[in-house]
Amino acid sequence: MDEGAAKKHSSKVEDFRIKVLLQPEGRTVEIEGVRDVQGLLRKLGLRGGDVMVIDVGSSSLLTPDEGLFDGQEVEVRRVISGG
């Protein structure tokens, strides 16, 4: 593990802060103490089937089991289905 990766994973979970952009509300919040996407959604009171979680830095779609790191910025975008 390189030094940058070690730093990302060395903090206690309680100290983790994830910056979250909520769309379409356009509101930004900081969430503490989550270690994965599923935990983030739980803390926000959202269901995985209702939103997409996107890593802002890489523009990658994140799955519920993916880990998060301190300082990470994600966008939580509500999925709207029509029919």
PDB file of N, CA and C in Angstrom:
ATOM      1  N   MET A   1       0.854  -1.170   0.000  1.00  0.00           N
ATOM      2  CA  MET A   1       0.000   0.000   0.000  1.00  0.00           C
ATOM      3  C   MET A   1       0.902   1.235   0.000  1.00  0.00           C
ATOM      4  N   ASP A   2       0.653   2.180  -0.927  1.00  0.00           N
ATOM      5  CA  ASP A   2       1.483   3.373  -0.957  1.00  0.00           C
ATOM      6  C   ASP A   2       1.122   4.320   0.184  1.00  0.00           C
ATOM      7  N   GLU A   3       1.925   5.340   0.395  1.00  0.00           N
ATOM      8  CA  GLU A   3       1.743   6.250   1.528  1.00  0.00           C
ATOM      9  C   GLU A   3       0.391   6.962   1.470  1.00  0.00           C
ATOM     10  N   GLY A   4      -0.046   7.394   0.280  1.00  0.00           N
ATOM     11  CA  GLY A   4      -1.337   8.069   0.130  1.00  0.00           C
ATOM     12  C   GLY A   4      -2.495   7.164   0.500  1.00  0.00           C
ATOM     13  N   ALA A   5      -2.440   5.917   0.041  1.00  0.00           N
ATOM     14  CA  ALA A   5      -3.499   4.964   0.361  1.00  0.00           C
ATOM     15  C   ALA A   5      -3.507   4.651   1.849  1.00  0.00           C
ATOM     16  N   ALA A   6      -2.319   4.529   2.438  1.00  0.00           N
ATOM     17  CA  ALA A   6      -2.244   4.255   3.872  1.00  0.00           C
ATOM     18  C   ALA A   6      -2.848   5.399   4.664  1.00  0.00           C
ATOM     19  N   LYS A   7      -2.601   6.622   4.237  1.00  0.00           N
ATOM     20  CA  LYS A   7      -3.152   7.782   4.927  1.00  0.00           C
ATOM     21  C   LYS A   7      -4.666   7.788   4.849  1.00  0.00           C
ATOM     22  N   LYS A   8      -5.213   7.424   3.692  1.00  0.00           N
ATOM     23  CA  LYS A   8      -6.661   7.397   3.511  1.00  0.00           C
ATOM     24  C   LYS A   8      -7.320   6.417   4.471  1.00  0.00           C
ATOM     25  N   HIS A   9      -6.642   5.325   4.778  1.00  0.00           N
ATOM     26  CA  HIS A   9      -7.247   4.272   5.578  1.00  0.00           C
ATOM     27  C   HIS A   9      -6.775   4.268   7.031  1.00  0.00           C
ATOM     28  N   SER A  10      -5.937   5.230   7.425  1.00  0.00           N
ATOM     29  CA  SER A  10      -5.379   5.205   8.769  1.00  0.00           C
ATOM     30  C   SER A  10      -6.248   5.912   9.799  1.00  0.00           C
ATOM     31  N   SER A  11      -7.159   6.777   9.380  1.00  0.00           N
ATOM     32  CA  SER A  11      -8.007   7.504  10.312  1.00  0.00           C
ATOM     33  C   SER A  11      -9.064   6.586  10.910  1.00  0.00           C
ATOM     34  N   LYS A  12      -9.486   6.909  12.126  1.00  0.00           N
ATOM     35  CA  LYS A  12     -10.593   6.179  12.717  1.00  0.00           C
ATOM     36  C   LYS A  12     -11.859   6.529  11.949  1.00  0.00           C
ATOM     37  N   VAL A  13     -12.781   5.578  11.861  1.00  0.00           N
ATOM     38  CA  VAL A  13     -14.026   5.792  11.129  1.00  0.00           C
ATOM     39  C   VAL A  13     -14.767   6.998  11.679  1.00  0.00           C
ATOM     40  N   GLU A  14     -14.736   7.195  12.989  1.00  0.00           N
ATOM     41  CA  GLU A  14     -15.462   8.306  13.600  1.00  0.00           C
ATOM     42  C   GLU A  14     -14.951   9.647  13.094  1.00  0.00           C
ATOM     43  N   ASP A  15     -13.686   9.682  12.673  1.00  0.00           N
ATOM     44  CA  ASP A  15     -13.072  10.926  12.216  1.00  0.00           C
ATOM     45  C   ASP A  15     -13.306  11.185  10.728  1.00  0.00           C
ATOM     46  N   PHE A  16     -13.825  10.191  10.002  1.00  0.00           N
ATOM     47  CA  PHE A  16     -14.065  10.353   8.571  1.00  0.00           C
ATOM     48  C   PHE A  16     -15.079  11.456   8.338  1.00  0.00           C
ATOM     49  N   ARG A  17     -14.791  12.290   7.359  1.00  0.00           N
ATOM     50  CA  ARG A  17     -15.756  13.299   6.924  1.00  0.00           C
ATOM     51  C   ARG A  17     -15.884  13.183   5.419  1.00  0.00           C
ATOM     52  N   ILE A  18     -17.093  12.979   4.975  1.00  0.00           N
ATOM     53  CA  ILE A  18     -17.391  12.856   3.561  1.00  0.00           C
ATOM     54  C   ILE A  18     -18.228  14.071   3.168  1.00  0.00           C
ATOM     55  N   LYS A  19     -17.812  14.754   2.118  1.00  0.00           N
ATOM     56  CA  LYS A  19     -18.571  15.898   1.615  1.00  0.00           C
ATOM     57  C   LYS A  19     -19.568  15.373   0.592  1.00  0.00           C
ATOM     58  N   VAL A  20     -20.844  15.684   0.790  1.00  0.00           N
ATOM     59  CA  VAL A  20     -21.908  15.121  -0.038  1.00  0.00           C
ATOM     60  C   VAL A  20     -22.704  16.239  -0.696  1.00  0.00           C
ATOM     61  N   LEU A  21     -22.776  16.201  -2.025  1.00  0.00           N
ATOM     62  CA  LEU A  21     -23.625  17.117  -2.780  1.00  0.00           C
ATOM     63  C   LEU A  21     -24.917  16.383  -3.081  1.00  0.00           C
ATOM     64  N   LEU A  22     -26.019  16.909  -2.575  1.00  0.00           N
ATOM     65  CA  LEU A  22     -27.331  16.289  -2.789  1.00  0.00           C
ATOM     66  C   LEU A  22     -28.000  16.940  -3.995  1.00  0.00           C
ATOM     67  N   GLN A  23     -28.385  16.106  -4.968  1.00  0.00           N
ATOM     68  CA  GLN A  23     -29.042  16.599  -6.169  1.00  0.00           C
ATOM     69  C   GLN A  23     -30.410  15.951  -6.302  1.00  0.00           C
ATOM     70  N   PRO A  24     -31.435  16.611  -6.698  1.00  0.00           N
ATOM     71  CA  PRO A  24     -31.421  17.904  -7.368  1.00  0.00           C
ATOM     72  C   PRO A  24     -31.505  19.110  -6.422  1.00  0.00           C
ATOM     73  N   GLU A  25     -31.440  18.883  -5.110  1.00  0.00           N
ATOM     74  CA  GLU A  25     -31.585  19.988  -4.162  1.00  0.00           C
ATOM     75  C   GLU A  25     -30.465  21.022  -4.269  1.00  0.00           C
ATOM     76  N   GLY A  26     -29.274  20.588  -4.696  1.00  0.00           N
ATOM     77  CA  GLY A  26     -28.143  21.489  -4.799  1.00  0.00           C
ATOM     78  C   GLY A  26     -27.558  21.846  -3.441  1.00  0.00           C
ATOM     79  N   ARG A  27     -27.816  21.013  -2.453  1.00  0.00           N
ATOM     80  CA  ARG A  27     -27.365  21.253  -1.081  1.00  0.00           C
ATOM     81  C   ARG A  27     -26.131  20.404  -0.797  1.00  0.00           C
ATOM     82  N   THR A  28     -25.172  20.978  -0.058  1.00  0.00           N
ATOM     83  CA  THR A  28     -23.966  20.252   0.318  1.00  0.00           C
ATOM     84  C   THR A  28     -23.946  20.049   1.824  1.00  0.00           C
ATOM     85  N   VAL A  29     -23.656  18.812   2.248  1.00  0.00           N
ATOM     86  CA  VAL A  29     -23.565  18.484   3.671  1.00  0.00           C
ATOM     87  C   VAL A  29     -22.294  17.691   3.910  1.00  0.00           C
ATOM     88  N   GLU A  30     -21.820  17.704   5.158  1.00  0.00           N
ATOM     89  CA  GLU A  30     -20.695  16.848   5.546  1.00  0.00           C
ATOM     90  C   GLU A  30     -21.232  15.762   6.457  1.00  0.00           C
ATOM     91  N   ILE A  31     -20.868  14.534   6.168  1.00  0.00           N
ATOM     92  CA  ILE A  31     -21.309  13.390   6.942  1.00  0.00           C
ATOM     93  C   ILE A  31     -20.092  12.767   7.608  1.00  0.00           C
ATOM     94  N   GLU A  32     -20.219  12.442   8.878  1.00  0.00           N
ATOM     95  CA  GLU A  32     -19.120  11.844   9.637  1.00  0.00           C
ATOM     96  C   GLU A  32     -19.439  10.401  10.002  1.00  0.00           C
ATOM     97  N   GLY A  33     -18.384   9.619  10.160  1.00  0.00           N
ATOM     98  CA  GLY A  33     -18.504   8.292  10.746  1.00  0.00           C
ATOM     99  C   GLY A  33     -19.086   7.211   9.862  1.00  0.00           C
ATOM    100  N   VAL A  34     -18.949   7.339   8.546  1.00  0.00           N
ATOM    101  CA  VAL A  34     -19.396   6.263   7.655  1.00  0.00           C
ATOM    102  C   VAL A  34     -18.186   5.687   6.936  1.00  0.00           C
ATOM    103  N   ARG A  35     -18.224   4.391   6.677  1.00  0.00           N
ATOM    104  CA  ARG A  35     -17.076   3.768   6.022  1.00  0.00           C
ATOM    105  C   ARG A  35     -17.379   3.246   4.629  1.00  0.00           C
ATOM    106  N   ASP A  36     -18.669   3.200   4.263  1.00  0.00           N
ATOM    107  CA  ASP A  36     -19.007   2.734   2.920  1.00  0.00           C
ATOM    108  C   ASP A  36     -20.265   3.446   2.421  1.00  0.00           C
ATOM    109  N   VAL A  37     -20.575   3.238   1.144  1.00  0.00           N
ATOM    110  CA  VAL A  37     -21.707   3.912   0.509  1.00  0.00           C
ATOM    111  C   VAL A  37     -23.012   3.529   1.199  1.00  0.00           C
ATOM    112  N   GLN A  38     -23.166   2.263   1.540  1.00  0.00           N
ATOM    113  CA  GLN A  38     -24.390   1.811   2.193  1.00  0.00           C
ATOM    114  C   GLN A  38     -24.602   2.545   3.520  1.00  0.00           C
ATOM    115  N   GLY A  39     -23.533   2.705   4.295  1.00  0.00           N
ATOM    116  CA  GLY A  39     -23.617   3.441   5.548  1.00  0.00           C
ATOM    117  C   GLY A  39     -23.960   4.903   5.335  1.00  0.00           C
ATOM    118  N   LEU A  40     -23.408   5.489   4.278  1.00  0.00           N
ATOM    119  CA  LEU A  40     -23.719   6.877   3.937  1.00  0.00           C
ATOM    120  C   LEU A  40     -25.200   7.025   3.627  1.00  0.00           C
ATOM    121  N   LEU A  41     -25.718   6.141   2.801  1.00  0.00           N
ATOM    122  CA  LEU A  41     -27.138   6.216   2.446  1.00  0.00           C
ATOM    123  C   LEU A  41     -28.025   6.009   3.668  1.00  0.00           C
ATOM    124  N   ARG A  42     -27.636   5.085   4.520  1.00  0.00           N
ATOM    125  CA  ARG A  42     -28.398   4.846   5.753  1.00  0.00           C
ATOM    126  C   ARG A  42     -28.445   6.120   6.604  1.00  0.00           C
ATOM    127  N   LYS A  43     -27.297   6.762   6.736  1.00  0.00           N
ATOM    128  CA  LYS A  43     -27.212   7.979   7.551  1.00  0.00           C
ATOM    129  C   LYS A  43     -28.043   9.120   6.946  1.00  0.00           C
ATOM    130  N   LEU A  44     -28.144   9.136   5.613  1.00  0.00           N
ATOM    131  CA  LEU A  44     -28.944  10.154   4.935  1.00  0.00           C
ATOM    132  C   LEU A  44     -30.423   9.788   4.862  1.00  0.00           C
ATOM    133  N   GLY A  45     -30.764   8.564   5.261  1.00  0.00           N
ATOM    134  CA  GLY A  45     -32.154   8.115   5.213  1.00  0.00           C
ATOM    135  C   GLY A  45     -32.635   7.822   3.797  1.00  0.00           C
ATOM    136  N   LEU A  46     -31.712   7.378   2.943  1.00  0.00           N
ATOM    137  CA  LEU A  46     -32.037   7.102   1.545  1.00  0.00           C
ATOM    138  C   LEU A  46     -31.859   5.618   1.234  1.00  0.00           C
ATOM    139  N   ARG A  47     -32.583   5.150   0.204  1.00  0.00           N
ATOM    140  CA  ARG A  47     -32.437   3.766  -0.242  1.00  0.00           C
ATOM    141  C   ARG A  47     -31.580   3.737  -1.496  1.00  0.00           C
ATOM    142  N   GLY A  48     -30.766   2.698  -1.618  1.00  0.00           N
ATOM    143  CA  GLY A  48     -29.864   2.567  -2.754  1.00  0.00           C
ATOM    144  C   GLY A  48     -30.557   2.570  -4.101  1.00  0.00           C
ATOM    145  N   GLY A  49     -31.770   2.047  -4.184  1.00  0.00           N
ATOM    146  CA  GLY A  49     -32.503   2.001  -5.446  1.00  0.00           C
ATOM    147  C   GLY A  49     -33.079   3.340  -5.865  1.00  0.00           C
ATOM    148  N   ASP A  50     -33.043   4.326  -4.959  1.00  0.00           N
ATOM    149  CA  ASP A  50     -33.620   5.635  -5.243  1.00  0.00           C
ATOM    150  C   ASP A  50     -32.587   6.676  -5.673  1.00  0.00           C
ATOM    151  N   VAL A  51     -31.290   6.333  -5.543  1.00  0.00           N
ATOM    152  CA  VAL A  51     -30.234   7.309  -5.830  1.00  0.00           C
ATOM    153  C   VAL A  51     -29.062   6.660  -6.544  1.00  0.00           C
ATOM    154  N   MET A  52     -28.239   7.506  -7.162  1.00  0.00           N
ATOM    155  CA  MET A  52     -26.932   7.114  -7.673  1.00  0.00           C
ATOM    156  C   MET A  52     -25.906   7.857  -6.835  1.00  0.00           C
ATOM    157  N   VAL A  53     -24.826   7.186  -6.478  1.00  0.00           N
ATOM    158  CA  VAL A  53     -23.747   7.828  -5.721  1.00  0.00           C
ATOM    159  C   VAL A  53     -22.531   7.866  -6.638  1.00  0.00           C
ATOM    160  N   ILE A  54     -22.018   9.082  -6.838  1.00  0.00           N
ATOM    161  CA  ILE A  54     -20.946   9.313  -7.798  1.00  0.00           C
ATOM    162  C   ILE A  54     -19.756   9.938  -7.082  1.00  0.00           C
ATOM    163  N   ASP A  55     -18.558   9.375  -7.291  1.00  0.00           N
ATOM    164  CA  ASP A  55     -17.344   9.978  -6.762  1.00  0.00           C
ATOM    165  C   ASP A  55     -17.029  11.206  -7.615  1.00  0.00           C
ATOM    166  N   VAL A  56     -16.970  12.373  -6.990  1.00  0.00           N
ATOM    167  CA  VAL A  56     -16.762  13.621  -7.721  1.00  0.00           C
ATOM    168  C   VAL A  56     -15.393  13.646  -8.394  1.00  0.00           C
ATOM    169  N   GLY A  57     -14.368  13.154  -7.721  1.00  0.00           N
ATOM    170  CA  GLY A  57     -13.011  13.200  -8.267  1.00  0.00           C
ATOM    171  C   GLY A  57     -12.812  12.393  -9.529  1.00  0.00           C
ATOM    172  N   SER A  58     -13.421  11.218  -9.595  1.00  0.00           N
ATOM    173  CA  SER A  58     -13.213  10.331 -10.747  1.00  0.00           C
ATOM    174  C   SER A  58     -14.438  10.227 -11.650  1.00  0.00           C
ATOM    175  N   SER A  59     -15.557  10.807 -11.227  1.00  0.00           N
ATOM    176  CA  SER A  59     -16.844  10.699 -11.939  1.00  0.00           C
ATOM    177  C   SER A  59     -17.308   9.252 -12.049  1.00  0.00           C
ATOM    178  N   SER A  60     -16.836   8.389 -11.124  1.00  0.00           N
ATOM    179  CA  SER A  60     -17.209   6.975 -11.131  1.00  0.00           C
ATOM    180  C   SER A  60     -18.463   6.743 -10.310  1.00  0.00           C
ATOM    181  N   LEU A  61     -19.302   5.855 -10.798  1.00  0.00           N
ATOM    182  CA  LEU A  61     -20.475   5.436 -10.060  1.00  0.00           C
ATOM    183  C   LEU A  61     -20.035   4.483  -8.960  1.00  0.00           C
ATOM    184  N   LEU A  62     -20.505   4.710  -7.729  1.00  0.00           N
ATOM    185  CA  LEU A  62     -20.115   3.881  -6.592  1.00  0.00           C
ATOM    186  C   LEU A  62     -21.241   2.924  -6.228  1.00  0.00           C
ATOM    187  N   THR A  63     -20.888   1.686  -5.931  1.00  0.00           N
ATOM    188  CA  THR A  63     -21.865   0.685  -5.507  1.00  0.00           C
ATOM    189  C   THR A  63     -21.985   0.711  -3.981  1.00  0.00           C
ATOM    190  N   PRO A  64     -23.088   0.187  -3.429  1.00  0.00           N
ATOM    191  CA  PRO A  64     -23.308   0.255  -1.972  1.00  0.00           C
ATOM    192  C   PRO A  64     -22.200  -0.365  -1.130  1.00  0.00           C
ATOM    193  N   ASP A  65     -21.481  -1.357  -1.647  1.00  0.00           N
ATOM    194  CA  ASP A  65     -20.452  -2.025  -0.857  1.00  0.00           C
ATOM    195  C   ASP A  65     -19.085  -1.349  -0.939  1.00  0.00           C
ATOM    196  N   GLU A  66     -18.958  -0.304  -1.733  1.00  0.00           N
ATOM    197  CA  GLU A  66     -17.657   0.362  -1.890  1.00  0.00           C
ATOM    198  C   GLU A  66     -17.310   1.209  -0.680  1.00  0.00           C
ATOM    199  N   GLY A  67     -16.048   1.144  -0.308  1.00  0.00           N
ATOM    200  CA  GLY A  67     -15.552   1.913   0.811  1.00  0.00           C
ATOM    201  C   GLY A  67     -15.373   3.383   0.462  1.00  0.00           C
ATOM    202  N   LEU A  68     -15.447   4.214   1.482  1.00  0.00           N
ATOM    203  CA  LEU A  68     -15.232   5.652   1.341  1.00  0.00           C
ATOM    204  C   LEU A  68     -13.996   6.034   2.136  1.00  0.00           C
ATOM    205  N   PHE A  69     -13.390   7.171   1.818  1.00  0.00           N
ATOM    206  CA  PHE A  69     -12.217   7.615   2.562  1.00  0.00           C
ATOM    207  C   PHE A  69     -12.415   9.044   3.048  1.00  0.00           C
ATOM    208  N   ASP A  70     -11.678   9.390   4.071  1.00  0.00           N
ATOM    209  CA  ASP A  70     -11.752  10.703   4.676  1.00  0.00           C
ATOM    210  C   ASP A  70     -11.472  11.784   3.637  1.00  0.00           C
ATOM    211  N   GLY A  71     -12.333  12.783   3.579  1.00  0.00           N
ATOM    212  CA  GLY A  71     -12.159  13.886   2.650  1.00  0.00           C
ATOM    213  C   GLY A  71     -12.754  13.659   1.277  1.00  0.00           C
ATOM    214  N   GLN A  72     -13.297  12.477   1.043  1.00  0.00           N
ATOM    215  CA  GLN A  72     -13.869  12.169  -0.266  1.00  0.00           C
ATOM    216  C   GLN A  72     -15.096  13.046  -0.514  1.00  0.00           C
ATOM    217  N   GLU A  73     -15.296  13.422  -1.775  1.00  0.00           N
ATOM    218  CA  GLU A  73     -16.469  14.175  -2.185  1.00  0.00           C
ATOM    219  C   GLU A  73     -17.307  13.299  -3.106  1.00  0.00           C
ATOM    220  N   VAL A  74     -18.585  13.180  -2.755  1.00  0.00           N
ATOM    221  CA  VAL A  74     -19.493  12.383  -3.569  1.00  0.00           C
ATOM    222  C   VAL A  74     -20.745  13.189  -3.879  1.00  0.00           C
ATOM    223  N   GLU A  75     -21.380  12.822  -4.969  1.00  0.00           N
ATOM    224  CA  GLU A  75     -22.665  13.407  -5.336  1.00  0.00           C
ATOM    225  C   GLU A  75     -23.714  12.311  -5.185  1.00  0.00           C
ATOM    226  N   VAL A  76     -24.788  12.630  -4.505  1.00  0.00           N
ATOM    227  CA  VAL A  76     -25.914  11.705  -4.358  1.00  0.00           C
ATOM    228  C   VAL A  76     -27.044  12.292  -5.196  1.00  0.00           C
ATOM    229  N   ARG A  77     -27.332  11.606  -6.283  1.00  0.00           N
ATOM    230  CA  ARG A  77     -28.310  12.105  -7.252  1.00  0.00           C
ATOM    231  C   ARG A  77     -29.550  11.209  -7.237  1.00  0.00           C
ATOM    232  N   ARG A  78     -30.677  11.813  -6.991  1.00  0.00           N
ATOM    233  CA  ARG A  78     -31.936  11.051  -6.991  1.00  0.00           C
ATOM    234  C   ARG A  78     -32.236  10.545  -8.404  1.00  0.00           C
ATOM    235  N   VAL A  79     -32.691   9.312  -8.464  1.00  0.00           N
ATOM    236  CA  VAL A  79     -33.053   8.689  -9.723  1.00  0.00           C
ATOM    237  C   VAL A  79     -34.547   8.860  -9.911  1.00  0.00           C
ATOM    238  N   ILE A  80     -34.927   9.413 -11.040  1.00  0.00           N
ATOM    239  CA  ILE A  80     -36.346   9.649 -11.319  1.00  0.00           C
ATOM    240  C   ILE A  80     -36.727   8.719 -12.461  1.00  0.00           C
ATOM    241  N   SER A  81     -37.739   7.892 -12.198  1.00  0.00           N
ATOM    242  CA  SER A  81     -38.188   7.004 -13.270  1.00  0.00           C
ATOM    243  C   SER A  81     -39.565   7.444 -13.718  1.00  0.00           C
ATOM    244  N   GLY A  82     -39.806   7.303 -14.965  1.00  0.00           N
ATOM    245  CA  GLY A  82     -41.101   7.674 -15.515  1.00  0.00           C
ATOM    246  C   GLY A  82     -41.748   6.468 -16.168  1.00  0.00           C
ATOM    247  N   GLY A  83     -42.984   6.598 -16.437  1.00  0.00           N
ATOM    248  CA  GLY A  83     -43.590   5.442 -17.062  1.00  0.00           C
ATOM    249  C   GLY A  83     -44.886   5.668 -17.591  1.00  0.00           C
TER     250      GLY A  83
END
